[in-house]
C-alpha atoms as a PDB file:
ATOM      1  CA  MET A   1     203.028 113.226 148.130  1.00  0.00           C
ATOM      2  CA  ASN A   2     202.060 115.641 145.580  1.00  0.00           C
ATOM      3  CA  SER A   3     199.444 116.770 147.631  1.00  0.00           C
ATOM      4  CA  GLY A   4     198.469 120.105 147.289  1.00  0.00           C
ATOM      5  CA  ALA A   5     201.721 120.541 145.667  1.00  0.00           C
ATOM      6  CA  LYS A   6     199.882 121.190 142.209  1.00  0.00           C
ATOM      7  CA  GLU A   7     197.674 123.903 143.260  1.00  0.00           C
ATOM      8  CA  ALA A   8     200.594 126.056 144.826  1.00  0.00           C
ATOM      9  CA  LEU A   9     202.517 125.858 142.281  1.00  0.00           C
ATOM     10  CA  LEU A  10     199.765 126.719 140.066  1.00  0.00           C
ATOM     11  CA  TYR A  11     198.606 129.614 142.750  1.00  0.00           C
ATOM     12  CA  ASP A  12     202.198 130.999 143.313  1.00  0.00           C
ATOM     13  CA  ALA A  13     202.122 131.152 139.084  1.00  0.00           C
ATOM     14  CA  LEU A  14     199.166 133.003 138.788  1.00  0.00           C
ATOM     15  CA  SER A  15     199.951 135.140 142.031  1.00  0.00           C
ATOM     16  CA  ASP A  16     203.519 136.143 140.017  1.00  0.00           C
ATOM     17  CA  THR A  17     201.828 137.933 136.786  1.00  0.00           C
ATOM     18  CA  GLY A  18     199.296 139.539 139.070  1.00  0.00           C
ATOM     19  CA  THR A  19     196.940 137.204 137.470  1.00  0.00           C
ATOM     20  CA  GLU A  20     195.729 134.748 140.712  1.00  0.00           C
ATOM     21  CA  HIS A  21     191.982 136.169 140.156  1.00  0.00           C
ATOM     22  CA  ARG A  22     192.077 133.320 137.089  1.00  0.00           C
ATOM     23  CA  TYR A  23     192.824 130.796 139.582  1.00  0.00           C
ATOM     24  CA  THR A  24     189.266 129.213 139.581  1.00  0.00           C
ATOM     25  CA  ALA A  25     188.566 129.189 135.613  1.00  0.00           C
ATOM     26  CA  ILE A  26     191.725 127.736 135.319  1.00  0.00           C
ATOM     27  CA  VAL A  27     191.110 124.780 137.859  1.00  0.00           C
ATOM     28  CA  ALA A  28     187.622 124.305 136.353  1.00  0.00           C
ATOM     29  CA  ARG A  29     189.292 123.761 133.092  1.00  0.00           C
ATOM     30  CA  ALA A  30     191.774 121.517 134.818  1.00  0.00           C
ATOM     31  CA  GLU A  31     189.022 119.502 136.768  1.00  0.00           C
ATOM     32  CA  THR A  32     186.712 119.176 132.898  1.00  0.00           C
ATOM     33  CA  VAL A  33     189.242 117.759 131.138  1.00  0.00           C
ATOM     34  CA  ALA A  34     190.219 115.309 133.462  1.00  0.00           C
ATOM     35  CA  MET A  35     186.632 114.330 134.188  1.00  0.00           C
ATOM     36  CA  LEU A  36     186.106 113.965 130.225  1.00  0.00           C
ATOM     37  CA  SER A  37     189.150 111.961 129.742  1.00  0.00           C
ATOM     38  CA  MET A  38     187.564 109.798 132.912  1.00  0.00           C
ATOM     39  CA  LEU A  39     184.902 109.409 130.627  1.00  0.00           C
ATOM     40  CA  ALA A  40     186.200 109.225 127.721  1.00  0.00           C
ATOM     41  CA  ALA A  41     188.152 105.594 129.520  1.00  0.00           C
ATOM     42  CA  THR A  42     185.452 104.655 131.375  1.00  0.00           C
ATOM     43  CA  ALA A  43     182.971 104.412 127.556  1.00  0.00           C
ATOM     44  CA  LEU A  44     186.888 103.005 126.300  1.00  0.00           C
ATOM     45  CA  ALA A  45     187.255 100.291 128.768  1.00  0.00           C
ATOM     46  CA  THR A  46     184.701  97.731 128.127  1.00  0.00           C
ATOM     47  CA  PRO A  47     186.081  96.896 123.749  1.00  0.00           C
ATOM     48  CA  VAL A  48     189.760  97.725 124.825  1.00  0.00           C
ATOM     49  CA  LEU A  49     188.994  94.608 127.644  1.00  0.00           C
ATOM     50  CA  ALA A  50     187.888  92.548 124.872  1.00  0.00           C
ATOM     51  CA  ILE A  51     190.082  93.331 122.258  1.00  0.00           C
ATOM     52  CA  GLY A  52     193.353  92.804 124.429  1.00  0.00           C
ATOM     53  CA  GLY A  53     192.332  91.361 128.197  1.00  0.00           C
ATOM     54  CA  PHE A  54     194.227  92.893 131.257  1.00  0.00           C
ATOM     55  CA  GLY A  55     197.242  93.181 129.299  1.00  0.00           C
ATOM     56  CA  LEU A  56     195.832  96.400 126.668  1.00  0.00           C
ATOM     57  CA  ILE A  57     194.588  97.359 129.705  1.00  0.00           C
ATOM     58  CA  THR A  58     197.485  97.758 132.138  1.00  0.00           C
ATOM     59  CA  THR A  59     199.398  98.908 129.475  1.00  0.00           C
ATOM     60  CA  GLY A  60     197.224 101.654 128.667  1.00  0.00           C
ATOM     61  CA  SER A  61     197.373 102.506 132.637  1.00  0.00           C
ATOM     62  CA  VAL A  62     200.922 102.736 132.184  1.00  0.00           C
ATOM     63  CA  LEU A  63     201.458 104.596 129.444  1.00  0.00           C
ATOM     64  CA  ALA A  64     198.827 107.540 131.483  1.00  0.00           C
ATOM     65  CA  CYS A  65     200.954 107.380 133.935  1.00  0.00           C
ATOM     66  CA  LEU A  66     204.233 108.366 132.329  1.00  0.00           C
ATOM     67  CA  GLY A  67     202.175 111.189 129.986  1.00  0.00           C
ATOM     68  CA  SER A  68     201.120 112.903 133.254  1.00  0.00           C
ATOM     69  CA  ALA A  69     204.849 112.514 134.449  1.00  0.00           C
ATOM     70  CA  TRP A  70     205.966 114.467 131.006  1.00  0.00           C
ATOM     71  CA  ALA A  71     203.498 116.995 131.391  1.00  0.00           C
ATOM     72  CA  ALA A  72     204.389 117.677 135.019  1.00  0.00           C
ATOM     73  CA  LEU A  73     208.037 117.989 133.627  1.00  0.00           C
ATOM     74  CA  ARG A  74     207.101 120.731 131.626  1.00  0.00           C
ATOM     75  CA  LEU A  75     205.523 123.153 134.159  1.00  0.00           C
ATOM     76  CA  PRO A  76     207.012 125.928 134.851  1.00  0.00           C
ATOM     77  CA  ASP A  77     209.964 125.938 137.286  1.00  0.00           C
ATOM     78  CA  ARG A  78     209.738 129.000 140.193  1.00  0.00           C
ATOM     79  CA  PRO A  79     212.798 130.154 141.376  1.00  0.00           C
ATOM     80  CA  VAL A  80     213.449 128.397 145.500  1.00  0.00           C
ATOM     81  CA  SER A  81     216.213 128.852 148.058  1.00  0.00           C
ATOM     82  CA  THR A  82     218.323 125.449 148.225  1.00  0.00           C
ATOM     83  CA  ALA A  83     216.508 122.964 149.073  1.00  0.00           C
ATOM     84  CA  SER A  84     217.216 121.677 152.835  1.00  0.00           C
ATOM     85  CA  SER A  85     215.581 119.705 156.432  1.00  0.00           C
ATOM     86  CA  GLU A  86     215.663 122.632 157.693  1.00  0.00           C
ATOM     87  CA  ALA A  87     213.913 124.619 154.994  1.00  0.00           C
ATOM     88  CA  TYR A  88     211.752 121.485 154.948  1.00  0.00           C
ATOM     89  CA  TRP A  89     210.491 121.883 158.761  1.00  0.00           C
ATOM     90  CA  ALA A  90     210.272 125.680 158.810  1.00  0.00           C
ATOM     91  CA  ALA A  91     207.485 125.565 155.475  1.00  0.00           C
ATOM     92  CA  LEU A  92     206.044 122.647 157.791  1.00  0.00           C
ATOM     93  CA  ARG A  93     205.978 124.732 161.296  1.00  0.00           C
ATOM     94  CA  ALA A  94     204.935 127.703 159.278  1.00  0.00           C
ATOM     95  CA  GLY A  95     201.705 126.164 157.942  1.00  0.00           C
ATOM     96  CA  LEU A  96     200.582 124.194 160.767  1.00  0.00           C
ATOM     97  CA  HIS A  97     200.920 127.908 162.539  1.00  0.00           C
ATOM     98  CA  GLU A  98     198.734 129.437 159.954  1.00  0.00           C
ATOM     99  CA  VAL A  99     195.957 126.779 160.060  1.00  0.00           C
ATOM    100  CA  ARG A 100     196.498 127.656 164.500  1.00  0.00           C
ATOM    101  CA  ARG A 101     196.540 131.041 164.311  1.00  0.00           C
ATOM    102  CA  ASP A 102     193.115 132.305 161.865  1.00  0.00           C
ATOM    103  CA  ARG A 103     190.567 130.779 162.363  1.00  0.00           C
ATOM    104  CA  ALA A 104     189.015 131.700 159.162  1.00  0.00           C
ATOM    105  CA  ILE A 105     191.749 129.512 157.434  1.00  0.00           C
ATOM    106  CA  ARG A 106     191.138 126.643 159.628  1.00  0.00           C
ATOM    107  CA  ARG A 107     187.415 126.936 158.937  1.00  0.00           C
ATOM    108  CA  ALA A 108     187.821 127.186 155.167  1.00  0.00           C
ATOM    109  CA  VAL A 109     190.588 123.663 155.232  1.00  0.00           C
ATOM    110  CA  VAL A 110     187.949 121.834 156.859  1.00  0.00           C
ATOM    111  CA  VAL A 111     185.197 122.778 154.301  1.00  0.00           C
ATOM    112  CA  ALA A 112     187.280 122.230 151.706  1.00  0.00           C
ATOM    113  CA  ALA A 113     188.325 119.071 153.064  1.00  0.00           C
ATOM    114  CA  ALA A 114     185.222 117.967 153.595  1.00  0.00           C
ATOM    115  CA  VAL A 115     182.928 118.706 150.403  1.00  0.00           C
ATOM    116  CA  PRO A 116     185.868 116.581 148.259  1.00  0.00           C
ATOM    117  CA  THR A 117     185.447 113.773 150.867  1.00  0.00           C
ATOM    118  CA  LEU A 118     181.518 113.582 150.264  1.00  0.00           C
ATOM    119  CA  THR A 119     182.676 112.623 146.338  1.00  0.00           C
ATOM    120  CA  SER A 120     184.216 109.391 147.763  1.00  0.00           C
ATOM    121  CA  LEU A 121     180.614 107.985 147.404  1.00  0.00           C
ATOM    122  CA  ASP A 122     181.165 108.000 143.916  1.00  0.00           C
ATOM    123  CA  GLU A 123     183.021 104.724 144.586  1.00  0.00           C
ATOM    124  CA  TYR A 124     179.743 102.753 145.322  1.00  0.00           C
ATOM    125  CA  VAL A 125     177.626 104.441 142.195  1.00  0.00           C
ATOM    126  CA  SER A 126     177.949 100.730 140.193  1.00  0.00           C
ATOM    127  CA  LEU A 127     176.670  98.377 143.112  1.00  0.00           C
ATOM    128  CA  LEU A 128     173.678 102.030 143.724  1.00  0.00           C
ATOM    129  CA  VAL A 129     173.127 101.633 139.901  1.00  0.00           C
ATOM    130  CA  HIS A 130     173.234  97.960 140.066  1.00  0.00           C
ATOM    131  CA  ASP A 131     170.062  98.492 142.820  1.00  0.00           C
ATOM    132  CA  LEU A 132     168.423 100.561 141.170  1.00  0.00           C
ATOM    133  CA  GLY A 133     167.533  97.973 137.853  1.00  0.00           C
ATOM    134  CA  VAL A 134     170.627  98.439 135.620  1.00  0.00           C
ATOM    135  CA  ALA A 135     171.906  95.599 134.542  1.00  0.00           C
ATOM    136  CA  VAL A 136     175.704  94.473 134.528  1.00  0.00           C
ATOM    137  CA  VAL A 137     176.474  95.187 130.970  1.00  0.00           C
ATOM    138  CA  GLY A 138     174.617  98.213 131.650  1.00  0.00           C
ATOM    139  CA  VAL A 139     176.856  99.807 134.624  1.00  0.00           C
ATOM    140  CA  PRO A 140     180.128 101.617 133.097  1.00  0.00           C
ATOM    141  CA  LEU A 141     177.222 103.610 130.927  1.00  0.00           C
ATOM    142  CA  ALA A 142     175.678 104.036 133.980  1.00  0.00           C
ATOM    143  CA  VAL A 143     179.371 105.499 135.900  1.00  0.00           C
ATOM    144  CA  ALA A 144     179.658 107.134 132.667  1.00  0.00           C
ATOM    145  CA  VAL A 145     176.068 109.795 132.933  1.00  0.00           C
ATOM    146  CA  MET A 146     177.543 110.323 136.702  1.00  0.00           C
ATOM    147  CA  VAL A 147     180.760 111.295 135.467  1.00  0.00           C
ATOM    148  CA  ALA A 148     179.414 113.743 132.570  1.00  0.00           C
ATOM    149  CA  GLY A 149     177.394 114.860 135.602  1.00  0.00           C
ATOM    150  CA  MET A 150     180.500 116.067 137.076  1.00  0.00           C
ATOM    151  CA  ALA A 151     182.522 117.462 134.266  1.00  0.00           C
ATOM    152  CA  ALA A 152     179.777 119.709 133.576  1.00  0.00           C
ATOM    153  CA  GLY A 153     179.801 120.913 137.656  1.00  0.00           C
ATOM    154  CA  SER A 154     183.546 121.510 137.109  1.00  0.00           C
ATOM    155  CA  MET A 155     182.749 123.800 133.740  1.00  0.00           C
ATOM    156  CA  LEU A 156     179.618 125.887 135.893  1.00  0.00           C
ATOM    157  CA  ALA A 157     182.348 126.818 138.258  1.00  0.00           C
ATOM    158  CA  GLU A 158     184.324 128.787 135.973  1.00  0.00           C
ATOM    159  CA  ARG A 159     180.819 131.292 135.198  1.00  0.00           C
ATOM    160  CA  HIS A 160     180.251 131.230 139.181  1.00  0.00           C
ATOM    161  CA  SER A 161     183.708 132.003 140.917  1.00  0.00           C
ATOM    162  CA  ALA A 162     182.219 134.687 143.074  1.00  0.00           C
ATOM    163  CA  ALA A 163     179.403 132.617 144.258  1.00  0.00           C
ATOM    164  CA  ARG A 164     178.912 133.735 147.776  1.00  0.00           C
ATOM    165  CA  PRO A 165     179.521 131.180 150.120  1.00  0.00           C
ATOM    166  CA  ARG A 166     175.384 130.756 151.183  1.00  0.00           C
ATOM    167  CA  ARG A 167     174.637 129.948 147.603  1.00  0.00           C
ATOM    168  CA  ILE A 168     177.910 127.308 147.490  1.00  0.00           C
ATOM    169  CA  GLY A 169     176.197 125.819 150.512  1.00  0.00           C
ATOM    170  CA  LEU A 170     172.805 125.878 148.822  1.00  0.00           C
ATOM    171  CA  ALA A 171     174.362 123.381 145.994  1.00  0.00           C
ATOM    172  CA  VAL A 172     176.031 121.350 148.729  1.00  0.00           C
ATOM    173  CA  ALA A 173     172.109 120.746 150.611  1.00  0.00           C
ATOM    174  CA  GLY A 174     171.411 120.618 146.467  1.00  0.00           C
ATOM    175  CA  ALA A 175     173.784 117.957 146.142  1.00  0.00           C
ATOM    176  CA  GLY A 176     172.550 116.167 148.746  1.00  0.00           C
ATOM    177  CA  LEU A 177     169.009 116.005 148.465  1.00  0.00           C
ATOM    178  CA  ALA A 178     168.988 114.499 144.812  1.00  0.00           C
ATOM    179  CA  LEU A 179     171.642 112.025 146.065  1.00  0.00           C
ATOM    180  CA  GLY A 180     168.693 110.812 148.587  1.00  0.00           C
ATOM    181  CA  ILE A 181     166.059 111.030 145.917  1.00  0.00           C
ATOM    182  CA  GLY A 182     167.845 109.475 143.610  1.00  0.00           C
ATOM    183  CA  ALA A 183     169.255 106.200 146.319  1.00  0.00           C
ATOM    184  CA  VAL A 184     165.465 106.263 147.097  1.00  0.00           C
ATOM    185  CA  SER A 185     163.656 106.468 144.028  1.00  0.00           C
ATOM    186  CA  GLY A 186     164.023 102.175 143.483  1.00  0.00           C
ATOM    187  CA  SER A 187     163.951 103.143 139.220  1.00  0.00           C
ATOM    188  CA  VAL A 188     166.875 104.088 136.469  1.00  0.00           C
ATOM    189  CA  TRP A 189     165.663 107.393 136.821  1.00  0.00           C
ATOM    190  CA  GLY A 190     167.208 107.768 139.858  1.00  0.00           C
ATOM    191  CA  LEU A 191     169.918 107.982 137.858  1.00  0.00           C
ATOM    192  CA  VAL A 192     169.275 111.731 136.888  1.00  0.00           C
ATOM    193  CA  PRO A 193     168.856 112.787 140.327  1.00  0.00           C
ATOM    194  CA  ILE A 194     172.357 111.189 141.398  1.00  0.00           C
ATOM    195  CA  ALA A 195     174.227 113.155 138.261  1.00  0.00           C
ATOM    196  CA  ALA A 196     172.811 115.716 139.389  1.00  0.00           C
ATOM    197  CA  GLY A 197     173.614 115.788 143.142  1.00  0.00           C
ATOM    198  CA  TYR A 198     177.679 114.733 142.152  1.00  0.00           C
ATOM    199  CA  GLY A 199     177.787 117.516 139.485  1.00  0.00           C
ATOM    200  CA  LEU A 200     176.556 119.989 142.183  1.00  0.00           C
ATOM    201  CA  LEU A 201     179.592 118.547 145.088  1.00  0.00           C
ATOM    202  CA  GLN A 202     181.683 118.970 141.579  1.00  0.00           C
ATOM    203  CA  LEU A 203     180.953 122.212 141.353  1.00  0.00           C
ATOM    204  CA  ALA A 204     181.490 122.981 145.164  1.00  0.00           C
ATOM    205  CA  SER A 205     184.539 121.469 145.395  1.00  0.00           C
ATOM    206  CA  VAL A 206     186.133 123.626 142.957  1.00  0.00           C
ATOM    207  CA  LEU A 207     184.526 126.741 144.924  1.00  0.00           C
ATOM    208  CA  THR A 208     185.886 125.883 148.091  1.00  0.00           C
ATOM    209  CA  GLU A 209     189.499 124.838 147.483  1.00  0.00           C
ATOM    210  CA  ALA A 210     189.311 128.025 145.329  1.00  0.00           C
ATOM    211  CA  ARG A 211     188.439 130.226 148.450  1.00  0.00           C
ATOM    212  CA  LEU A 212     190.799 128.203 151.155  1.00  0.00           C
ATOM    213  CA  GLN A 213     193.280 129.867 148.191  1.00  0.00           C
ATOM    214  CA  GLU A 214     192.126 133.268 148.187  1.00  0.00           C
ATOM    215  CA  ARG A 215     192.865 133.582 152.263  1.00  0.00           C
ATOM    216  CA  MET A 216     196.493 132.382 152.137  1.00  0.00           C
ATOM    217  CA  SER A 217     199.399 133.927 152.263  1.00  0.00           C
ATOM    218  CA  GLY A 218     202.630 133.526 152.739  1.00  0.00           C
ATOM    219  CA  ASP A 219     205.033 130.613 151.241  1.00  0.00           C
ATOM    220  CA  ALA A 220     203.445 127.791 153.383  1.00  0.00           C
ATOM    221  CA  ARG A 221     200.709 127.107 150.207  1.00  0.00           C
ATOM    222  CA  ALA A 222     202.016 123.741 149.885  1.00  0.00           C
ATOM    223  CA  THR A 223     201.606 122.834 153.529  1.00  0.00           C
ATOM    224  CA  VAL A 224     198.165 124.246 154.421  1.00  0.00           C
ATOM    225  CA  LEU A 225     197.008 122.585 150.937  1.00  0.00           C
ATOM    226  CA  SER A 226     198.182 119.566 151.980  1.00  0.00           C
ATOM    227  CA  VAL A 227     196.348 119.743 155.390  1.00  0.00           C
ATOM    228  CA  SER A 228     193.289 119.999 154.274  1.00  0.00           C
ATOM    229  CA  GLY A 229     193.846 116.640 151.254  1.00  0.00           C
ATOM    230  CA  LEU A 230     194.672 114.951 154.690  1.00  0.00           C
ATOM    231  CA  GLY A 231     191.231 115.577 156.284  1.00  0.00           C
ATOM    232  CA  VAL A 232     190.042 114.288 152.188  1.00  0.00           C
ATOM    233  CA  ASP A 233     191.606 110.985 152.823  1.00  0.00           C
ATOM    234  CA  ILE A 234     191.034 110.617 156.441  1.00  0.00           C
ATOM    235  CA  GLY A 235     186.662 111.229 155.513  1.00  0.00           C
ATOM    236  CA  ALA A 236     187.168 108.676 152.348  1.00  0.00           C
ATOM    237  CA  LEU A 237     188.027 106.204 155.224  1.00  0.00           C
ATOM    238  CA  ALA A 238     185.656 107.016 157.232  1.00  0.00           C
ATOM    239  CA  VAL A 239     183.177 107.154 154.667  1.00  0.00           C
ATOM    240  CA  TYR A 240     183.798 103.478 153.524  1.00  0.00           C
ATOM    241  CA  ALA A 241     184.201 102.725 156.612  1.00  0.00           C
ATOM    242  CA  SER A 242     180.742 103.979 157.505  1.00  0.00           C
ATOM    243  CA  PHE A 243     179.638 101.267 154.642  1.00  0.00           C
ATOM    244  CA  GLY A 244     181.533  98.427 155.544  1.00  0.00           C
ATOM    245  CA  ILE A 245     179.856  97.993 158.747  1.00  0.00           C
ATOM    246  CA  GLY A 246     175.953  99.322 157.511  1.00  0.00           C
ATOM    247  CA  SER A 247     175.706  97.185 154.682  1.00  0.00           C
ATOM    248  CA  HIS A 248     175.567  94.408 157.682  1.00  0.00           C
ATOM    249  CA  TRP A 249     172.144  95.829 158.270  1.00  0.00           C
ATOM    250  CA  PHE A 250     171.572  97.865 154.442  1.00  0.00           C
ATOM    251  CA  GLY A 251     171.827  97.659 151.115  1.00  0.00           C
ATOM    252  CA  THR A 252     173.604 100.403 149.094  1.00  0.00           C
ATOM    253  CA  ALA A 253     170.611 102.559 148.134  1.00  0.00           C
ATOM    254  CA  GLN A 254     169.565 102.879 151.884  1.00  0.00           C
ATOM    255  CA  LEU A 255     173.077 103.820 153.110  1.00  0.00           C
ATOM    256  CA  THR A 256     173.868 106.046 150.265  1.00  0.00           C
ATOM    257  CA  ALA A 257     170.647 107.642 151.163  1.00  0.00           C
ATOM    258  CA  THR A 258     171.642 108.400 154.629  1.00  0.00           C
ATOM    259  CA  PHE A 259     174.081 110.082 154.433  1.00  0.00           C
ATOM    260  CA  THR A 260     172.254 112.660 152.609  1.00  0.00           C
ATOM    261  CA  VAL A 261     172.335 114.113 156.769  1.00  0.00           C
ATOM    262  CA  PRO A 262     176.183 114.790 156.459  1.00  0.00           C
ATOM    263  CA  ILE A 263     175.410 116.404 153.043  1.00  0.00           C
ATOM    264  CA  LEU A 264     173.518 119.007 154.683  1.00  0.00           C
ATOM    265  CA  VAL A 265     175.079 119.297 157.407  1.00  0.00           C
ATOM    266  CA  VAL A 266     178.633 120.291 155.666  1.00  0.00           C
ATOM    267  CA  ALA A 267     176.113 122.440 153.347  1.00  0.00           C
ATOM    268  CA  VAL A 268     175.556 124.612 156.213  1.00  0.00           C
ATOM    269  CA  LEU A 269     179.506 124.817 157.209  1.00  0.00           C
ATOM    270  CA  ALA A 270     179.996 125.808 153.917  1.00  0.00           C
ATOM    271  CA  ALA A 271     177.632 128.718 153.587  1.00  0.00           C
ATOM    272  CA  ARG A 272     178.960 129.657 157.455  1.00  0.00           C
ATOM    273  CA  TRP A 273     182.506 129.000 157.290  1.00  0.00           C
ATOM    274  CA  LEU A 274     183.461 130.105 154.249  1.00  0.00           C
ATOM    275  CA  PRO A 275     185.140 133.236 152.665  1.00  0.00           C
ATOM    276  CA  ALA A 276     183.891 134.731 150.516  1.00  0.00           C
ATOM    277  CA  HIS A 277     184.787 135.529 147.270  1.00  0.00           C
ATOM    278  CA  ARG A 278     187.602 138.126 147.287  1.00  0.00           C
ATOM    279  CA  ALA A 279     186.132 140.791 145.041  1.00  0.00           C
ATOM    280  CA  TYR A 280     183.139 140.621 146.692  1.00  0.00           C
ATOM    281  CA  ALA A 281     185.478 141.226 150.209  1.00  0.00           C
ATOM    282  CA  HIS A 282     186.589 143.838 148.356  1.00  0.00           C
ATOM    283  CA  SER A 283     183.584 145.689 146.977  1.00  0.00           C
ATOM    284  CA  THR A 284     181.679 145.808 150.846  1.00  0.00           C
ATOM    285  CA  SER A 285     184.600 146.112 153.014  1.00  0.00           C
ATOM    286  CA  GLY A 286     186.643 148.571 150.582  1.00  0.00           C
ATOM    287  CA  PRO A 287     187.961 152.210 151.243  1.00  0.00           C
ATOM    288  CA  PRO A 288     185.424 154.840 152.035  1.00  0.00           C
ATOM    289  CA  VAL A 289     184.551 156.818 149.053  1.00  0.00           C
ATOM    290  CA  PRO A 290     184.732 160.306 149.547  1.00  0.00           C
ATOM    291  CA  PRO A 291     182.251 163.251 149.233  1.00  0.00           C
ATOM    292  CA  PRO A 292     181.028 164.885 146.767  1.00  0.00           C
ATOM    293  CA  PRO A 293     183.433 168.428 146.696  1.00  0.00           C
ATOM    294  CA  VAL A 294     181.892 171.627 147.994  1.00  0.00           C
ATOM    295  CA  PRO A 295     180.595 174.239 144.897  1.00  0.00           C
ATOM    296  CA  ASP A 296     183.144 177.161 145.314  1.00  0.00           C
ATOM    297  CA  ARG A 297     181.218 179.776 146.377  1.00  0.00           C
ATOM    298  CA  PRO A 298     180.478 183.001 144.414  1.00  0.00           C
ATOM    299  CA  SER A 299     182.908 185.646 145.596  1.00  0.00           C
ATOM    300  CA  ALA A 300     181.480 189.286 146.968  1.00  0.00           C
ATOM    301  CA  PRO A 301     180.909 191.942 144.527  1.00  0.00           C
ATOM    302  CA  PRO A 302     184.076 194.592 145.352  1.00  0.00           C
ATOM    303  CA  PRO A 303     182.700 197.765 147.498  1.00  0.00           C
END
């Protein structure tokens, strides 16, 4: 239900103060904290389960949700008009209309949905690393390595916030190749390219969502982002269905390797359809530079 709302709230709040250029940096830091928190939770899962069983795990999960709710209530609220069903449907229609009428936004929505969809492959990482020879007791540690790679990708997003679309496409392509190489390696050392691949996908995911934010305008930002979020969910279901059907004939490693092809397709779309960073776009299409002033001619001598 909150798909797109948090991102729209953040961007609008920054826009009110004229600091929307900091959006990518803030999101990158937030994603880094989220990944590091996931890394800590993964490392603590085994000892907590051994100490208190699933009861303690459940209690910790509930407390984490309550903490998130408290943090959400602490977010600054923006003054809005009185909510009504007419206002809701008007905002929904405005958002859908913006996606339909603007081809650049429509393409950015597709890419911003496709790239995070690829990270849904991480649901099968535990099975993949087990096929690569990791013992069951070592699977949480292997998953932690993958999460660390994603955290590194989030950290790099701030530094590469102005990357051109072609470089973002190259990052997605590199992720596909790295995942494919790691999946077919047949060795525990395949974890290294797998972690690097997920890190590149996380980097591209942050940047593509930021480019969509930069391209949008108006009050329907949350609706457009929700359309992108719906695309992510539908894409994830397609990934799960593909694994479920393909598992009748192939193993997890082979199925993961086959996803190199759709990842490369998304890489091409990212390179061709993503809008350029706003600062870069202004530098290439800004106002013309006025010509240098012509020096005054010397006055003629008096007769």
